[in-house]
C-alpha atoms as a PDB file:
ATOM      1  CA  UNK A   1      95.068  14.111-105.254  1.00  0.00           C
ATOM      2  CA  UNK A   2      98.742  14.783-105.858  1.00  0.00           C
ATOM      3  CA  UNK A   3     100.871  17.401-104.220  1.00  0.00           C
ATOM      4  CA  UNK A   4     103.301  19.550-106.064  1.00  0.00           C
ATOM      5  CA  UNK A   5     106.773  19.805-104.674  1.00  0.00           C
ATOM      6  CA  UNK A   6     109.161  22.588-105.409  1.00  0.00           C
ATOM      7  CA  UNK A   7     108.649  26.227-106.180  1.00  0.00           C
ATOM      8  CA  UNK A   8     105.579  27.803-107.722  1.00  0.00           C
ATOM      9  CA  UNK A   9     105.900  28.972-111.277  1.00  0.00           C
ATOM     10  CA  UNK A  10     104.724  32.481-112.049  1.00  0.00           C
ATOM     11  CA  UNK A  11     104.746  35.692-110.077  1.00  0.00           C
ATOM     12  CA  UNK A  12     103.362  36.292-106.585  1.00  0.00           C
ATOM     13  CA  UNK A  13     100.148  38.350-106.642  1.00  0.00           C
ATOM     14  CA  UNK A  14     101.446  40.488-103.718  1.00  0.00           C
ATOM     15  CA  UNK A  15     105.053  41.416-104.556  1.00  0.00           C
ATOM     16  CA  UNK A  16     105.386  40.272-108.174  1.00  0.00           C
ATOM     17  CA  UNK A  17     108.416  38.041-107.511  1.00  0.00           C
ATOM     18  CA  UNK A  18     108.663  34.455-108.751  1.00  0.00           C
ATOM     19  CA  UNK A  19     108.836  31.360-106.560  1.00  0.00           C
ATOM     20  CA  UNK A  20     106.052  31.693-103.988  1.00  0.00           C
ATOM     21  CA  UNK A  21     102.320  32.236-103.524  1.00  0.00           C
ATOM     22  CA  UNK A  22     100.777  35.387-102.032  1.00  0.00           C
ATOM     23  CA  UNK A  23      99.917  33.521 -98.797  1.00  0.00           C
ATOM     24  CA  UNK A  24     103.649  32.693 -98.386  1.00  0.00           C
ATOM     25  CA  UNK A  25     104.925  36.121 -99.448  1.00  0.00           C
ATOM     26  CA  UNK A  26     107.647  37.448 -97.148  1.00  0.00           C
ATOM     27  CA  UNK A  27     106.390  40.991 -97.771  1.00  0.00           C
ATOM     28  CA  UNK A  28     102.870  40.074 -96.575  1.00  0.00           C
ATOM     29  CA  UNK A  29     102.440  41.572 -93.112  1.00  0.00           C
ATOM     30  CA  UNK A  30      99.630  40.604 -90.819  1.00  0.00           C
ATOM     31  CA  UNK A  31      98.771  42.537 -87.680  1.00  0.00           C
ATOM     32  CA  UNK A  32      98.164  40.583 -84.530  1.00  0.00           C
ATOM     33  CA  UNK A  33      95.884  42.054 -81.901  1.00  0.00           C
ATOM     34  CA  UNK A  34      95.518  41.129 -78.295  1.00  0.00           C
ATOM     35  CA  UNK A  35      92.678  42.040 -75.982  1.00  0.00           C
ATOM     36  CA  UNK A  36      92.651  41.823 -72.209  1.00  0.00           C
ATOM     37  CA  UNK A  37      90.423  43.170 -69.467  1.00  0.00           C
ATOM     38  CA  UNK A  38      92.075  45.632 -67.094  1.00  0.00           C
ATOM     39  CA  UNK A  39      90.726  44.218 -63.838  1.00  0.00           C
ATOM     40  CA  UNK A  40      92.650  40.943 -63.750  1.00  0.00           C
ATOM     41  CA  UNK A  41      91.339  37.981 -61.810  1.00  0.00           C
ATOM     42  CA  UNK A  42      87.743  39.027 -61.034  1.00  0.00           C
ATOM     43  CA  UNK A  43      85.745  36.748 -63.362  1.00  0.00           C
ATOM     44  CA  UNK A  44      82.804  39.171 -63.461  1.00  0.00           C
ATOM     45  CA  UNK A  45      85.084  41.761 -65.048  1.00  0.00           C
ATOM     46  CA  UNK A  46      86.829  39.497 -67.553  1.00  0.00           C
ATOM     47  CA  UNK A  47      85.572  39.426 -71.123  1.00  0.00           C
ATOM     48  CA  UNK A  48      85.993  36.940 -73.952  1.00  0.00           C
ATOM     49  CA  UNK A  49      86.195  38.331 -77.495  1.00  0.00           C
ATOM     50  CA  UNK A  50      84.067  35.914 -79.526  1.00  0.00           C
ATOM     51  CA  UNK A  51      83.813  36.009 -83.322  1.00  0.00           C
ATOM     52  CA  UNK A  52      80.927  33.529 -83.244  1.00  0.00           C
ATOM     53  CA  UNK A  53      78.670  35.339 -80.774  1.00  0.00           C
ATOM     54  CA  UNK A  54      75.705  37.310 -82.091  1.00  0.00           C
ATOM     55  CA  UNK A  55      75.412  39.455 -78.927  1.00  0.00           C
ATOM     56  CA  UNK A  56      77.443  41.143 -76.192  1.00  0.00           C
ATOM     57  CA  UNK A  57      76.528  39.148 -73.059  1.00  0.00           C
ATOM     58  CA  UNK A  58      77.120  40.115 -69.422  1.00  0.00           C
ATOM     59  CA  UNK A  59      77.051  38.085 -66.241  1.00  0.00           C
ATOM     60  CA  UNK A  60      76.661  41.145 -63.956  1.00  0.00           C
ATOM     61  CA  UNK A  61      73.711  43.529 -64.289  1.00  0.00           C
ATOM     62  CA  UNK A  62      75.520  46.279 -62.333  1.00  0.00           C
ATOM     63  CA  UNK A  63      77.886  46.917 -65.281  1.00  0.00           C
ATOM     64  CA  UNK A  64      74.917  47.685 -67.551  1.00  0.00           C
ATOM     65  CA  UNK A  65      73.784  51.308 -67.959  1.00  0.00           C
ATOM     66  CA  UNK A  66      70.536  52.539 -69.546  1.00  0.00           C
ATOM     67  CA  UNK A  67      69.124  49.071 -68.891  1.00  0.00           C
ATOM     68  CA  UNK A  68      65.626  48.114 -69.969  1.00  0.00           C
ATOM     69  CA  UNK A  69      63.866  44.859 -69.216  1.00  0.00           C
ATOM     70  CA  UNK A  70      63.643  42.331 -72.020  1.00  0.00           C
ATOM     71  CA  UNK A  71      62.623  38.725 -72.437  1.00  0.00           C
ATOM     72  CA  UNK A  72      64.803  37.360 -75.221  1.00  0.00           C
ATOM     73  CA  UNK A  73      66.673  34.125 -75.693  1.00  0.00           C
ATOM     74  CA  UNK A  74      69.693  32.848 -77.554  1.00  0.00           C
ATOM     75  CA  UNK A  75      71.526  29.554 -77.648  1.00  0.00           C
ATOM     76  CA  UNK A  76      74.992  28.389 -76.735  1.00  0.00           C
ATOM     77  CA  UNK A  77      76.868  26.380 -79.401  1.00  0.00           C
ATOM     78  CA  UNK A  78      75.910  23.200 -77.512  1.00  0.00           C
ATOM     79  CA  UNK A  79      72.216  24.050 -77.989  1.00  0.00           C
ATOM     80  CA  UNK A  80      71.631  25.114 -74.387  1.00  0.00           C
ATOM     81  CA  UNK A  81      69.043  27.891 -74.042  1.00  0.00           C
ATOM     82  CA  UNK A  82      70.014  31.236 -72.479  1.00  0.00           C
ATOM     83  CA  UNK A  83      67.284  33.673 -71.410  1.00  0.00           C
ATOM     84  CA  UNK A  84      68.271  37.362 -71.205  1.00  0.00           C
ATOM     85  CA  UNK A  85      66.564  39.720 -68.743  1.00  0.00           C
ATOM     86  CA  UNK A  86      68.092  43.176 -69.429  1.00  0.00           C
ATOM     87  CA  UNK A  87      69.466  45.111 -72.401  1.00  0.00           C
ATOM     88  CA  UNK A  88      71.572  48.279 -72.279  1.00  0.00           C
ATOM     89  CA  UNK A  89      75.097  49.650 -72.638  1.00  0.00           C
ATOM     90  CA  UNK A  90      78.133  48.029 -71.024  1.00  0.00           C
ATOM     91  CA  UNK A  91      80.863  50.481 -69.993  1.00  0.00           C
ATOM     92  CA  UNK A  92      84.129  48.564 -69.662  1.00  0.00           C
ATOM     93  CA  UNK A  93      87.882  49.190 -69.680  1.00  0.00           C
ATOM     94  CA  UNK A  94      89.988  46.987 -71.940  1.00  0.00           C
ATOM     95  CA  UNK A  95      93.691  46.796 -72.700  1.00  0.00           C
ATOM     96  CA  UNK A  96      94.629  46.734 -76.388  1.00  0.00           C
ATOM     97  CA  UNK A  97      98.315  46.439 -77.291  1.00  0.00           C
ATOM     98  CA  UNK A  98      99.218  47.445 -73.723  1.00  0.00           C
ATOM     99  CA  UNK A  99      97.035  50.574 -73.680  1.00  0.00           C
ATOM    100  CA  UNK A 100      93.920  50.913 -71.469  1.00  0.00           C
ATOM    101  CA  UNK A 101      90.816  52.116 -73.306  1.00  0.00           C
ATOM    102  CA  UNK A 102      87.267  52.802 -72.147  1.00  0.00           C
ATOM    103  CA  UNK A 103      84.747  51.042 -74.370  1.00  0.00           C
ATOM    104  CA  UNK A 104      80.957  51.184 -74.608  1.00  0.00           C
ATOM    105  CA  UNK A 105      79.268  48.035 -75.848  1.00  0.00           C
ATOM    106  CA  UNK A 106      75.896  49.095 -77.237  1.00  0.00           C
ATOM    107  CA  UNK A 107      73.070  46.582 -77.120  1.00  0.00           C
ATOM    108  CA  UNK A 108      74.647  44.421 -74.406  1.00  0.00           C
ATOM    109  CA  UNK A 109      72.475  41.840 -72.645  1.00  0.00           C
ATOM    110  CA  UNK A 110      72.449  40.634 -69.047  1.00  0.00           C
ATOM    111  CA  UNK A 111      71.671  36.966 -68.479  1.00  0.00           C
ATOM    112  CA  UNK A 112      71.436  35.274 -65.092  1.00  0.00           C
ATOM    113  CA  UNK A 113      73.786  32.297 -64.591  1.00  0.00           C
ATOM    114  CA  UNK A 114      76.026  33.243 -67.515  1.00  0.00           C
ATOM    115  CA  UNK A 115      79.462  31.625 -66.917  1.00  0.00           C
ATOM    116  CA  UNK A 116      81.455  34.486 -68.515  1.00  0.00           C
ATOM    117  CA  UNK A 117      81.151  37.876 -70.248  1.00  0.00           C
ATOM    118  CA  UNK A 118      81.272  37.902 -74.046  1.00  0.00           C
ATOM    119  CA  UNK A 119      82.163  40.678 -76.485  1.00  0.00           C
ATOM    120  CA  UNK A 120      80.658  39.907 -79.876  1.00  0.00           C
ATOM    121  CA  UNK A 121      83.333  40.692 -82.481  1.00  0.00           C
ATOM    122  CA  UNK A 122      80.644  41.132 -85.147  1.00  0.00           C
ATOM    123  CA  UNK A 123      78.730  43.689 -83.036  1.00  0.00           C
ATOM    124  CA  UNK A 124      81.657  45.984 -82.230  1.00  0.00           C
ATOM    125  CA  UNK A 125      80.896  49.505 -83.434  1.00  0.00           C
ATOM    126  CA  UNK A 126      83.360  52.375 -83.669  1.00  0.00           C
ATOM    127  CA  UNK A 127      81.677  55.562 -82.458  1.00  0.00           C
END
């Protein structure tokens, strides 16, 4: 495989100017988002935003409202089994771009011995 050196020939698909690809376009703007939990150092109140998780998972049952018992399982990426005991709605406060917001995570699961709370990026719903 050989690499090309120098400028690209042809016009950018974003701005129409010659000399660069769309991915390198100076007019291409990408938004960066940050997410943090409002409660600081208490591990039971900290959440990890995970794009690979298929479920919202909680390590504390007391943060779960409208909880119903369930007997479901999922697996960590290392193959370890995780059994979930409750399913309901998690009411949490998050900070997005410096602003505190109350969020409801529908279909959140409680699992005993979970090392951290997880927000499933793919399961986030705007209501």
